[in-house]
Amino acid sequence: MKTLATFATLALVSIAYVAVSVLTVEFLPRIGAVIFWPLTTACAVGLVWALARSQILANLGWVRYALFLIPALAVTYLLFFAVVAIGMGLLKWEPM
């Protein structure tokens, strides 16, 4: 049951990040540009928290948070490109 909760949390954090990023940049460009990078940091922290909460490598204690930072940053990087792809493909954003 803990695994299902972990996957649900990872999916929820990922979908929320993409949705909020696209919506704020599209409809509130000034606010979206200001909160985009803090939102990206919050996404990475949320992914690390979800992975560490799953009790994977629980015997490592607090070290597991640092170990999960690399995969969380990699997923956040891919999600960032999902935001850009949605924006440029569906919403016709233009590069500056």
Foldseek 3Di string as FASTA:
>chain_A
DLVVVLVVQLVVLLVVLLVVLLVCCVPVVVVSVVCNVVSLVVSLLSNLVSVVSSCVVVVVPPVSSVVSSVVSNVVSVVSVVVSVCCCCPVVVDDDD
